[in-house]
Protein backbone atom coordinates (compact mmCIF):
# COMPACT_ATOMS: atom_id res chain seq x y z
CA UNK A 1 -43.20 -13.59 -51.86
CA UNK A 2 -46.64 -14.84 -50.79
CA UNK A 3 -48.23 -18.02 -52.13
CA UNK A 4 -50.59 -16.16 -54.44
CA UNK A 5 -47.70 -14.30 -56.02
CA UNK A 6 -45.71 -17.44 -56.27
CA UNK A 7 -48.46 -19.21 -58.19
CA UNK A 8 -49.26 -16.30 -60.31
CA UNK A 9 -45.56 -15.89 -61.40
CA UNK A 10 -45.22 -19.65 -61.78
CA UNK A 11 -48.16 -19.74 -64.22
CA UNK A 12 -46.73 -16.82 -66.10
CA UNK A 13 -43.50 -18.78 -66.58
CA UNK A 14 -45.58 -21.76 -67.59
CA UNK A 15 -47.18 -19.77 -70.41
CA UNK A 16 -43.72 -19.05 -71.88
CA UNK A 17 -42.73 -22.63 -71.51
CA UNK A 18 -45.71 -23.88 -73.54
CA UNK A 19 -45.19 -21.27 -76.27
CA UNK A 20 -41.50 -22.34 -76.52
CA UNK A 21 -41.94 -26.10 -76.35
CA UNK A 22 -45.13 -27.04 -78.25
CA UNK A 23 -44.44 -25.81 -81.79
CA UNK A 24 -41.01 -26.93 -83.13
CA UNK A 25 -41.45 -30.70 -82.11
CA UNK A 26 -44.75 -30.84 -84.22
CA UNK A 27 -42.82 -29.85 -87.40
CA UNK A 28 -39.77 -32.04 -86.66
CA UNK A 29 -42.15 -35.01 -86.10
CA UNK A 30 -43.67 -34.62 -89.51
CA UNK A 31 -40.28 -34.80 -91.24
CA UNK A 32 -39.10 -37.74 -89.15
CA UNK A 33 -42.06 -39.76 -90.10
CA UNK A 34 -43.70 -40.09 -86.79
CA UNK A 35 -47.35 -41.06 -86.63
CA UNK A 36 -49.87 -39.44 -84.43
CA UNK A 37 -49.14 -41.59 -81.40
CA UNK A 38 -45.41 -41.19 -81.65
CA UNK A 39 -45.85 -37.47 -82.14
CA UNK A 40 -47.94 -37.28 -78.95
CA UNK A 41 -45.38 -39.16 -77.04
CA UNK A 42 -42.60 -37.05 -78.32
CA UNK A 43 -44.44 -33.81 -77.23
CA UNK A 44 -44.86 -35.28 -73.75
CA UNK A 45 -41.08 -36.15 -73.55
CA UNK A 46 -40.47 -32.53 -74.70
CA UNK A 47 -42.51 -31.00 -71.91
CA UNK A 48 -41.08 -33.37 -69.38
CA UNK A 49 -37.48 -32.64 -70.27
CA UNK A 50 -38.13 -28.92 -70.53
CA UNK A 51 -39.05 -28.94 -66.89
CA UNK A 52 -36.24 -31.22 -65.74
CA UNK A 53 -33.33 -29.50 -67.71
CA UNK A 54 -34.59 -25.96 -66.96
CA UNK A 55 -34.72 -26.77 -63.24
CA UNK A 56 -31.26 -28.33 -63.24
CA UNK A 57 -29.80 -25.26 -65.00
CA UNK A 58 -31.54 -22.77 -62.71
CA UNK A 59 -30.54 -24.71 -59.53
CA UNK A 60 -27.05 -26.03 -60.33
CA UNK A 61 -26.04 -24.72 -63.74
CA UNK A 62 -25.88 -21.06 -64.81
CA UNK A 63 -28.55 -20.31 -62.02
CA UNK A 64 -30.67 -18.04 -64.14
CA UNK A 65 -34.53 -18.46 -64.66
CA UNK A 66 -33.99 -19.19 -68.26
CA UNK A 67 -36.09 -21.67 -70.32
CA UNK A 68 -34.40 -24.67 -71.73
CA UNK A 69 -36.29 -26.02 -74.73
CA UNK A 70 -36.24 -27.13 -78.45
CA UNK A 71 -33.78 -25.17 -80.49
CA UNK A 72 -34.44 -23.78 -84.01
CA UNK A 73 -31.05 -25.06 -85.09
CA UNK A 74 -32.00 -28.70 -84.31
CA UNK A 75 -35.21 -28.30 -86.23
CA UNK A 76 -33.16 -27.22 -89.23
CA UNK A 77 -30.68 -30.02 -88.74
CA UNK A 78 -33.20 -32.76 -88.33
CA UNK A 79 -35.20 -31.60 -91.43
CA UNK A 80 -32.00 -31.56 -93.40
CA UNK A 81 -31.00 -34.95 -92.06
CA UNK A 82 -34.32 -36.43 -92.97
CA UNK A 83 -34.17 -35.11 -96.55
CA UNK A 84 -30.60 -36.37 -96.97
CA UNK A 85 -31.50 -39.76 -95.64
CA UNK A 86 -34.35 -40.08 -98.09
CA UNK A 87 -32.03 -39.03 -100.98
CA UNK A 88 -29.49 -41.66 -99.87
CA UNK A 89 -32.14 -44.39 -99.63
CA UNK A 90 -32.01 -44.75 -95.90
CA UNK A 91 -35.23 -45.23 -93.94
CA UNK A 92 -36.40 -42.68 -91.35
CA UNK A 93 -36.62 -45.33 -88.58
CA UNK A 94 -32.88 -45.86 -88.94
CA UNK A 95 -32.20 -42.15 -89.02
CA UNK A 96 -34.11 -41.73 -85.78
CA UNK A 97 -31.88 -44.30 -83.96
CA UNK A 98 -28.81 -42.71 -85.55
CA UNK A 99 -29.87 -39.32 -84.10
CA UNK A 100 -30.24 -40.86 -80.68
CA UNK A 101 -26.57 -41.95 -80.62
CA UNK A 102 -25.57 -38.54 -82.15
CA UNK A 103 -27.17 -36.56 -79.33
CA UNK A 104 -25.65 -38.99 -76.70
CA UNK A 105 -22.18 -38.35 -78.04
CA UNK A 106 -22.59 -34.74 -78.67
CA UNK A 107 -23.92 -34.17 -75.13
CA UNK A 108 -21.11 -36.23 -73.58
CA UNK A 109 -18.40 -34.19 -75.45
CA UNK A 110 -19.91 -30.93 -74.30
CA UNK A 111 -20.24 -31.97 -70.64
CA UNK A 112 -16.49 -32.89 -70.63
CA UNK A 113 -15.64 -29.55 -72.19
CA UNK A 114 -17.77 -27.71 -69.60
CA UNK A 115 -16.15 -29.66 -66.79
CA UNK A 116 -12.71 -28.94 -68.11
CA UNK A 117 -13.07 -25.24 -67.38
CA UNK A 118 -11.69 -24.30 -70.91
CA UNK A 119 -14.86 -22.66 -72.27
CA UNK A 120 -13.18 -19.20 -72.26
CA UNK A 121 -11.09 -20.29 -75.28
CA UNK A 122 -14.07 -21.84 -77.12
CA UNK A 123 -16.07 -18.58 -76.64
CA UNK A 124 -13.49 -16.62 -78.56
CA UNK A 125 -14.32 -18.42 -81.72
CA UNK A 126 -17.93 -17.26 -81.74
CA UNK A 127 -17.43 -13.57 -82.77
CA UNK A 128 -20.39 -11.34 -83.69
CA UNK A 129 -19.63 -12.03 -87.38
CA UNK A 130 -19.78 -15.77 -86.90
CA UNK A 131 -22.94 -15.48 -84.66
CA UNK A 132 -24.68 -13.25 -87.29
CA UNK A 133 -23.90 -15.63 -90.12
CA UNK A 134 -25.01 -18.65 -88.17
CA UNK A 135 -28.42 -17.04 -87.21
CA UNK A 136 -28.95 -15.76 -90.80
CA UNK A 137 -28.21 -19.06 -92.43
CA UNK A 138 -30.34 -21.01 -89.98
CA UNK A 139 -33.38 -18.94 -90.95
CA UNK A 140 -32.56 -19.03 -94.72
CA UNK A 141 -32.16 -22.74 -94.69
CA UNK A 142 -35.73 -23.11 -93.07
CA UNK A 143 -37.37 -20.64 -95.46
CA UNK A 144 -38.38 -23.27 -98.03
CA UNK A 145 -39.84 -25.48 -95.24
CA UNK A 146 -41.82 -22.43 -93.91
CA UNK A 147 -43.28 -21.72 -97.37
CA UNK A 148 -44.29 -25.35 -97.84
CA UNK A 149 -46.03 -25.17 -94.47
CA UNK A 150 -47.87 -21.97 -95.43
CA UNK A 151 -49.48 -23.63 -98.56
CA UNK A 152 -50.57 -26.69 -96.55
CA UNK A 153 -48.02 -29.02 -98.23
CA UNK A 154 -45.16 -29.35 -95.75
CA UNK A 155 -43.61 -32.34 -97.61
CA UNK A 156 -43.70 -30.38 -100.90
CA UNK A 157 -46.26 -32.60 -102.53
CA UNK A 158 -49.73 -31.51 -103.88
CA UNK A 159 -51.38 -28.24 -104.88
CA UNK A 160 -51.78 -25.13 -102.73
CA UNK A 161 -54.37 -25.47 -99.97
CA UNK A 162 -55.98 -21.97 -99.82
CA UNK A 163 -57.63 -22.78 -96.44
CA UNK A 164 -54.22 -23.46 -94.92
CA UNK A 165 -52.92 -20.22 -96.47
CA UNK A 166 -55.75 -18.32 -94.84
CA UNK A 167 -55.07 -19.93 -91.42
CA UNK A 168 -51.33 -19.22 -91.79
CA UNK A 169 -51.76 -15.56 -92.54
CA UNK A 170 -54.40 -14.94 -89.85
CA UNK A 171 -52.14 -16.46 -87.29
CA UNK A 172 -49.23 -14.42 -88.50
CA UNK A 173 -51.13 -11.14 -88.60
CA UNK A 174 -52.57 -11.67 -85.05
CA UNK A 175 -49.06 -12.39 -83.68
CA UNK A 176 -47.64 -9.40 -85.56
CA UNK A 177 -50.42 -6.96 -84.31
CA UNK A 178 -49.99 -8.00 -80.72
CA UNK A 179 -46.22 -7.81 -80.92
CA UNK A 180 -46.24 -4.23 -82.32
CA UNK A 181 -49.38 -2.75 -80.68
CA UNK A 182 -49.68 -4.30 -77.21
CA UNK A 183 -47.43 -3.90 -74.16
CA UNK A 184 -46.46 -5.91 -71.13
CA UNK A 185 -47.57 -9.46 -70.45
CA UNK A 186 -49.98 -9.58 -73.46
CA UNK A 187 -47.11 -8.67 -75.88
CA UNK A 188 -44.87 -11.29 -74.30
CA UNK A 189 -47.52 -14.15 -75.10
CA UNK A 190 -48.30 -12.93 -78.60
CA UNK A 191 -47.29 -16.27 -80.11
CA UNK A 192 -49.55 -18.25 -77.72
CA UNK A 193 -52.48 -15.89 -78.43
CA UNK A 194 -51.99 -16.09 -82.26
CA UNK A 195 -51.68 -19.97 -82.08
CA UNK A 196 -54.93 -20.16 -80.16
CA UNK A 197 -56.80 -17.77 -82.59
CA UNK A 198 -55.43 -19.58 -85.66
CA UNK A 199 -56.26 -23.01 -84.20
CA UNK A 200 -59.86 -21.89 -83.67
CA UNK A 201 -60.14 -20.57 -87.25
CA UNK A 202 -58.72 -23.81 -88.57
CA UNK A 203 -61.27 -25.77 -86.58
CA UNK A 204 -64.23 -23.76 -87.97
CA UNK A 205 -63.09 -24.05 -91.64
CA UNK A 206 -62.08 -27.68 -91.51
CA UNK A 207 -58.25 -27.37 -91.38
CA UNK A 208 -57.67 -29.58 -88.41
CA UNK A 209 -56.37 -32.94 -87.14
CA UNK A 210 -58.70 -35.29 -85.40
CA UNK A 211 -57.19 -36.11 -81.95
CA UNK A 212 -56.33 -39.77 -81.49
CA UNK A 213 -55.36 -40.99 -78.03
CA UNK A 214 -53.29 -44.22 -78.55
CA UNK A 215 -52.00 -44.23 -75.05
CA UNK A 216 -52.85 -47.10 -72.78
CA UNK A 217 -53.51 -44.85 -69.71
CA UNK A 218 -54.11 -41.27 -68.58
CA UNK A 219 -50.60 -41.05 -67.05
CA UNK A 220 -47.58 -42.35 -69.02
CA UNK A 221 -43.93 -42.33 -68.19
CA UNK A 222 -41.41 -41.06 -70.83
CA UNK A 223 -39.87 -44.03 -72.70
CA UNK A 224 -36.12 -44.38 -72.81
CA UNK A 225 -34.84 -44.76 -76.39
CA UNK A 226 -38.37 -44.59 -77.60
CA UNK A 227 -37.24 -44.63 -81.29
CA UNK A 228 -35.26 -47.83 -80.87
CA UNK A 229 -31.83 -48.87 -79.76
CA UNK A 230 -29.25 -46.24 -80.78
CA UNK A 231 -27.34 -47.03 -83.97
CA UNK A 232 -24.24 -45.62 -85.48
CA UNK A 233 -24.11 -43.60 -88.74
CA UNK A 234 -20.93 -41.61 -88.90
CA UNK A 235 -22.39 -38.78 -90.96
CA UNK A 236 -25.35 -38.33 -88.66
CA UNK A 237 -23.08 -38.55 -85.60
CA UNK A 238 -20.65 -35.85 -86.94
CA UNK A 239 -23.60 -33.60 -87.93
CA UNK A 240 -24.97 -33.81 -84.44
CA UNK A 241 -21.61 -32.95 -82.86
CA UNK A 242 -21.15 -29.94 -85.11
CA UNK A 243 -24.71 -28.66 -84.58
CA UNK A 244 -24.17 -28.89 -80.82
CA UNK A 245 -20.96 -26.97 -81.03
CA UNK A 246 -22.65 -24.29 -83.21
CA UNK A 247 -25.23 -23.67 -80.47
CA UNK A 248 -22.43 -22.42 -78.21
CA UNK A 249 -23.16 -19.01 -79.67
CA UNK A 250 -26.78 -19.14 -78.56
CA UNK A 251 -25.91 -20.27 -75.00
CA UNK A 252 -23.41 -17.52 -74.50
CA UNK A 253 -25.70 -14.91 -75.91
CA UNK A 254 -28.47 -16.02 -73.51
CA UNK A 255 -26.20 -15.94 -70.45
CA UNK A 256 -24.51 -12.58 -71.19
CA UNK A 257 -27.83 -11.03 -72.07
CA UNK A 258 -29.44 -12.16 -68.83
CA UNK A 259 -26.49 -11.07 -66.82
CA UNK A 260 -26.85 -7.56 -68.39
CA UNK A 261 -30.53 -7.43 -67.63
CA UNK A 262 -29.86 -8.25 -64.03
CA UNK A 263 -26.91 -5.76 -63.88
CA UNK A 264 -24.55 -8.66 -62.95
CA UNK A 265 -21.22 -9.69 -64.17
CA UNK A 266 -21.27 -13.17 -65.77
CA UNK A 267 -18.54 -15.27 -64.17
CA UNK A 268 -16.38 -17.88 -65.94
CA UNK A 269 -17.73 -20.46 -63.44
CA UNK A 270 -21.26 -19.74 -64.57
CA UNK A 271 -20.32 -20.07 -68.21
CA UNK A 272 -18.68 -23.51 -67.59
CA UNK A 273 -21.73 -24.77 -65.44
CA UNK A 274 -24.13 -23.36 -68.10
CA UNK A 275 -22.31 -25.26 -70.85
CA UNK A 276 -22.19 -28.40 -68.69
CA UNK A 277 -25.90 -28.14 -68.22
CA UNK A 278 -26.40 -27.55 -71.91
CA UNK A 279 -24.42 -30.74 -72.63
CA UNK A 280 -26.53 -32.67 -70.21
CA UNK A 281 -29.74 -31.47 -71.91
CA UNK A 282 -28.37 -32.57 -75.23
CA UNK A 283 -27.50 -35.96 -73.88
CA UNK A 284 -31.00 -36.43 -72.35
CA UNK A 285 -32.65 -35.58 -75.65
CA UNK A 286 -30.92 -38.68 -76.94
CA UNK A 287 -31.99 -40.80 -74.01
CA UNK A 288 -35.67 -39.59 -74.19
CA UNK A 289 -35.56 -38.72 -77.90
CA UNK A 290 -36.92 -35.39 -79.13
CA UNK A 291 -35.52 -32.18 -80.81
CA UNK A 292 -32.23 -30.93 -79.22
CA UNK A 293 -32.34 -28.33 -76.51
CA UNK A 294 -30.67 -24.99 -75.95
CA UNK A 295 -31.18 -22.15 -73.38
CA UNK A 296 -33.55 -19.57 -74.79
CA UNK A 297 -31.98 -16.18 -75.39
CA UNK A 298 -35.53 -14.71 -75.47
CA UNK A 299 -35.77 -15.36 -71.71
CA UNK A 300 -33.78 -12.24 -71.00
CA UNK A 301 -36.60 -10.32 -72.61
CA UNK A 302 -39.16 -11.98 -70.38
CA UNK A 303 -37.22 -11.12 -67.26
CA UNK A 304 -36.77 -7.49 -68.33
CA UNK A 305 -40.44 -7.11 -69.22
CA UNK A 306 -41.92 -8.74 -66.10
CA UNK A 307 -39.29 -7.63 -63.66
CA UNK A 308 -39.40 -11.20 -62.05
CA UNK A 309 -36.05 -12.90 -61.74
CA UNK A 310 -36.76 -14.94 -58.63
CA UNK A 311 -36.09 -18.62 -59.04
CA UNK A 312 -38.88 -20.04 -56.87
CA UNK A 313 -41.67 -19.23 -59.34
CA UNK A 314 -39.53 -20.63 -62.07
CA UNK A 315 -39.05 -23.88 -60.17
CA UNK A 316 -42.80 -24.06 -59.77
CA UNK A 317 -43.25 -23.64 -63.52
CA UNK A 318 -40.58 -26.38 -64.10
CA UNK A 319 -42.70 -28.74 -61.82
CA UNK A 320 -45.80 -27.89 -63.90
CA UNK A 321 -44.06 -28.84 -67.12
CA UNK A 322 -42.88 -32.21 -65.69
CA UNK A 323 -46.45 -32.99 -64.65
CA UNK A 324 -47.87 -31.99 -68.11
CA UNK A 325 -45.34 -34.22 -69.66
CA UNK A 326 -46.87 -37.17 -67.85
CA UNK A 327 -50.46 -36.58 -68.85
CA UNK A 328 -51.50 -38.32 -72.07
CA UNK A 329 -54.38 -36.01 -73.10
CA UNK A 330 -52.05 -32.99 -72.98
CA UNK A 331 -49.87 -34.58 -75.68
CA UNK A 332 -52.88 -35.48 -77.70
CA UNK A 333 -54.18 -32.11 -77.60
CA UNK A 334 -50.96 -30.36 -78.76
CA UNK A 335 -50.40 -33.01 -81.39
CA UNK A 336 -53.69 -32.07 -82.93
CA UNK A 337 -52.42 -28.56 -83.71
CA UNK A 338 -53.04 -27.82 -87.53
CA UNK A 339 -49.58 -27.69 -89.28
CA UNK A 340 -50.37 -24.27 -90.82
CA UNK A 341 -50.72 -22.76 -87.31
CA UNK A 342 -47.42 -24.28 -86.11
CA UNK A 343 -45.57 -23.09 -89.21
CA UNK A 344 -47.04 -19.56 -88.92
CA UNK A 345 -45.79 -19.28 -85.31
CA UNK A 346 -42.39 -20.70 -86.33
CA UNK A 347 -42.10 -18.25 -89.15
CA UNK A 348 -42.70 -15.31 -86.76
CA UNK A 349 -40.04 -16.71 -84.33
CA UNK A 350 -37.48 -17.10 -87.09
CA UNK A 351 -38.21 -13.66 -88.53
CA UNK A 352 -37.21 -12.25 -85.12
CA UNK A 353 -34.00 -14.27 -85.34
CA UNK A 354 -33.13 -12.47 -88.62
CA UNK A 355 -33.32 -9.23 -86.47
CA UNK A 356 -30.91 -10.75 -83.95
CA UNK A 357 -28.52 -11.64 -86.82
CA UNK A 358 -28.54 -7.93 -87.94
CA UNK A 359 -27.92 -6.84 -84.32
CA UNK A 360 -24.81 -9.07 -84.16
CA UNK A 361 -23.38 -7.48 -87.33
CA UNK A 362 -23.91 -4.00 -85.73
CA UNK A 363 -21.63 -4.98 -82.93
CA UNK A 364 -18.62 -4.53 -85.15
CA UNK A 365 -17.45 -2.01 -87.70
CA UNK A 366 -18.33 -3.37 -91.20
CA UNK A 367 -15.40 -2.79 -93.50
CA UNK A 368 -14.22 -4.71 -96.63
CA UNK A 369 -12.90 -7.61 -94.52
CA UNK A 370 -16.22 -8.08 -92.67
CA UNK A 371 -18.16 -7.72 -95.91
CA UNK A 372 -16.22 -10.41 -97.63
CA UNK A 373 -16.60 -12.83 -94.71
CA UNK A 374 -20.29 -12.31 -94.31
CA UNK A 375 -21.02 -12.25 -98.05
CA UNK A 376 -18.99 -15.39 -98.95
CA UNK A 377 -20.34 -17.41 -95.97
CA UNK A 378 -24.00 -16.60 -96.73
CA UNK A 379 -23.80 -16.91 -100.40
CA UNK A 380 -22.11 -20.27 -100.28
CA UNK A 381 -24.21 -21.52 -97.31
CA UNK A 382 -27.47 -20.46 -98.99
CA UNK A 383 -26.42 -21.67 -102.38
CA UNK A 384 -25.78 -25.21 -101.08
CA UNK A 385 -29.50 -25.38 -100.04
CA UNK A 386 -30.53 -24.95 -103.67
CA UNK A 387 -28.47 -27.93 -104.80
CA UNK A 388 -30.20 -31.24 -105.39
CA UNK A 389 -29.12 -33.92 -102.92
CA UNK A 390 -28.58 -36.16 -105.90
CA UNK A 391 -25.56 -33.97 -106.85
CA UNK A 392 -23.74 -35.16 -103.71
CA UNK A 393 -24.32 -38.85 -104.62
CA UNK A 394 -20.61 -39.29 -105.57
CA UNK A 395 -19.58 -38.48 -102.04
CA UNK A 396 -19.26 -40.97 -99.14
CA UNK A 397 -22.32 -40.84 -96.98
CA UNK A 398 -20.63 -39.14 -94.07
CA UNK A 399 -19.38 -36.35 -96.29
CA UNK A 400 -22.83 -36.02 -97.91
CA UNK A 401 -24.49 -35.35 -94.54
CA UNK A 402 -22.04 -32.62 -93.85
CA UNK A 403 -21.40 -30.85 -97.13
CA UNK A 404 -25.07 -30.81 -98.18
CA UNK A 405 -25.89 -28.80 -95.10
CA UNK A 406 -25.49 -25.14 -95.99
CA UNK A 407 -25.76 -24.08 -92.33
CA UNK A 408 -22.75 -26.15 -91.32
CA UNK A 409 -20.68 -25.19 -94.38
CA UNK A 410 -21.45 -21.55 -94.20
CA UNK A 411 -20.82 -21.19 -90.42
CA UNK A 412 -17.60 -23.19 -90.54
CA UNK A 413 -16.41 -21.01 -93.49
CA UNK A 414 -17.15 -17.85 -91.47
CA UNK A 415 -15.19 -19.28 -88.54
CA UNK A 416 -12.19 -20.11 -90.94
CA UNK A 417 -12.22 -16.74 -92.62
CA UNK A 418 -12.30 -14.90 -89.28
CA UNK A 419 -9.10 -16.69 -88.26
CA UNK A 420 -7.41 -16.46 -91.72
CA UNK A 421 -8.16 -12.99 -92.94
């Protein structure tokens, strides 16, 4: 591979990295109560860690050119934790330091599990039924958040902002059109193109955020424990550990799918190394706090579409992401993205996840047993999201964090029913 091809393919990977890493942290920052400077710094840490963890996985972990970046599940979990903390009277600053410790512990447990070589037993828990329920509930739990973002009131306060609604739907329709009508590289970057168009529209009609660069210099190093010294909240800690385990389904799906695209057989050693790398990325998102990471199952589609599975261009893209994560104006720029644009892109991503959930259900024959498991898990998991958090006030705080989360309850119920029935 010549130098020109190497750079071209590296920049192509970089495009996917940016589309994957720039959107979810913006929404998470809003719910965690971060100001513009803190949001900017979190975005820079996100880019920096994307490059570091993706390189580690491709070089020493599963050894596939798969993007490692912010997971939709962690967005859902952090939004739920923020809402629960507010209902319990806990401040968001304390929640953020609680999450740091939660990610550290969850990552350490997963690393030990990966190093133990026992992942083949854990994988058996995540059947197509469990995976489908998990994916479906994750999207359903976030649907209320998406709708609030569409009307320009992400925190649920105030009247509908029709300019935000316009920006939201223009962004959605552009992404939808490119996804359905275009082919090749243009189709693969539909989200990035839609975000750029929606952002420009928002600028012209006055739905925008004025950039503020509060950084002291052009280059800044990521700050360790930027949210403060880690603190212990048993409910938050347990929620983080459970969430990290639920994402095993996503990791396995990404690795098996990529192996199939490359016509390779996924080895047990690769699975164990991939899980160890996933644990390391989870731990690092506690050290350099941001939304938790996971290997992206969508990367298999990128490899299939571009026909490029070489690791050298991927390493180059990882290096680009690390550099971008050190440049202050890059974070300022992305932190200025209008919320309506970010929510529109997220909605399209999560709409596709619904399709993945349906595909999981199609892997098995759906009889009365399967209908019962799927129906009960989704009805109960979704129903919990409609309950007021005040209704859990009689529980201990630890139990409130767990049982007020429909995604956790529904997925665990599906796992239990799969074993019992």
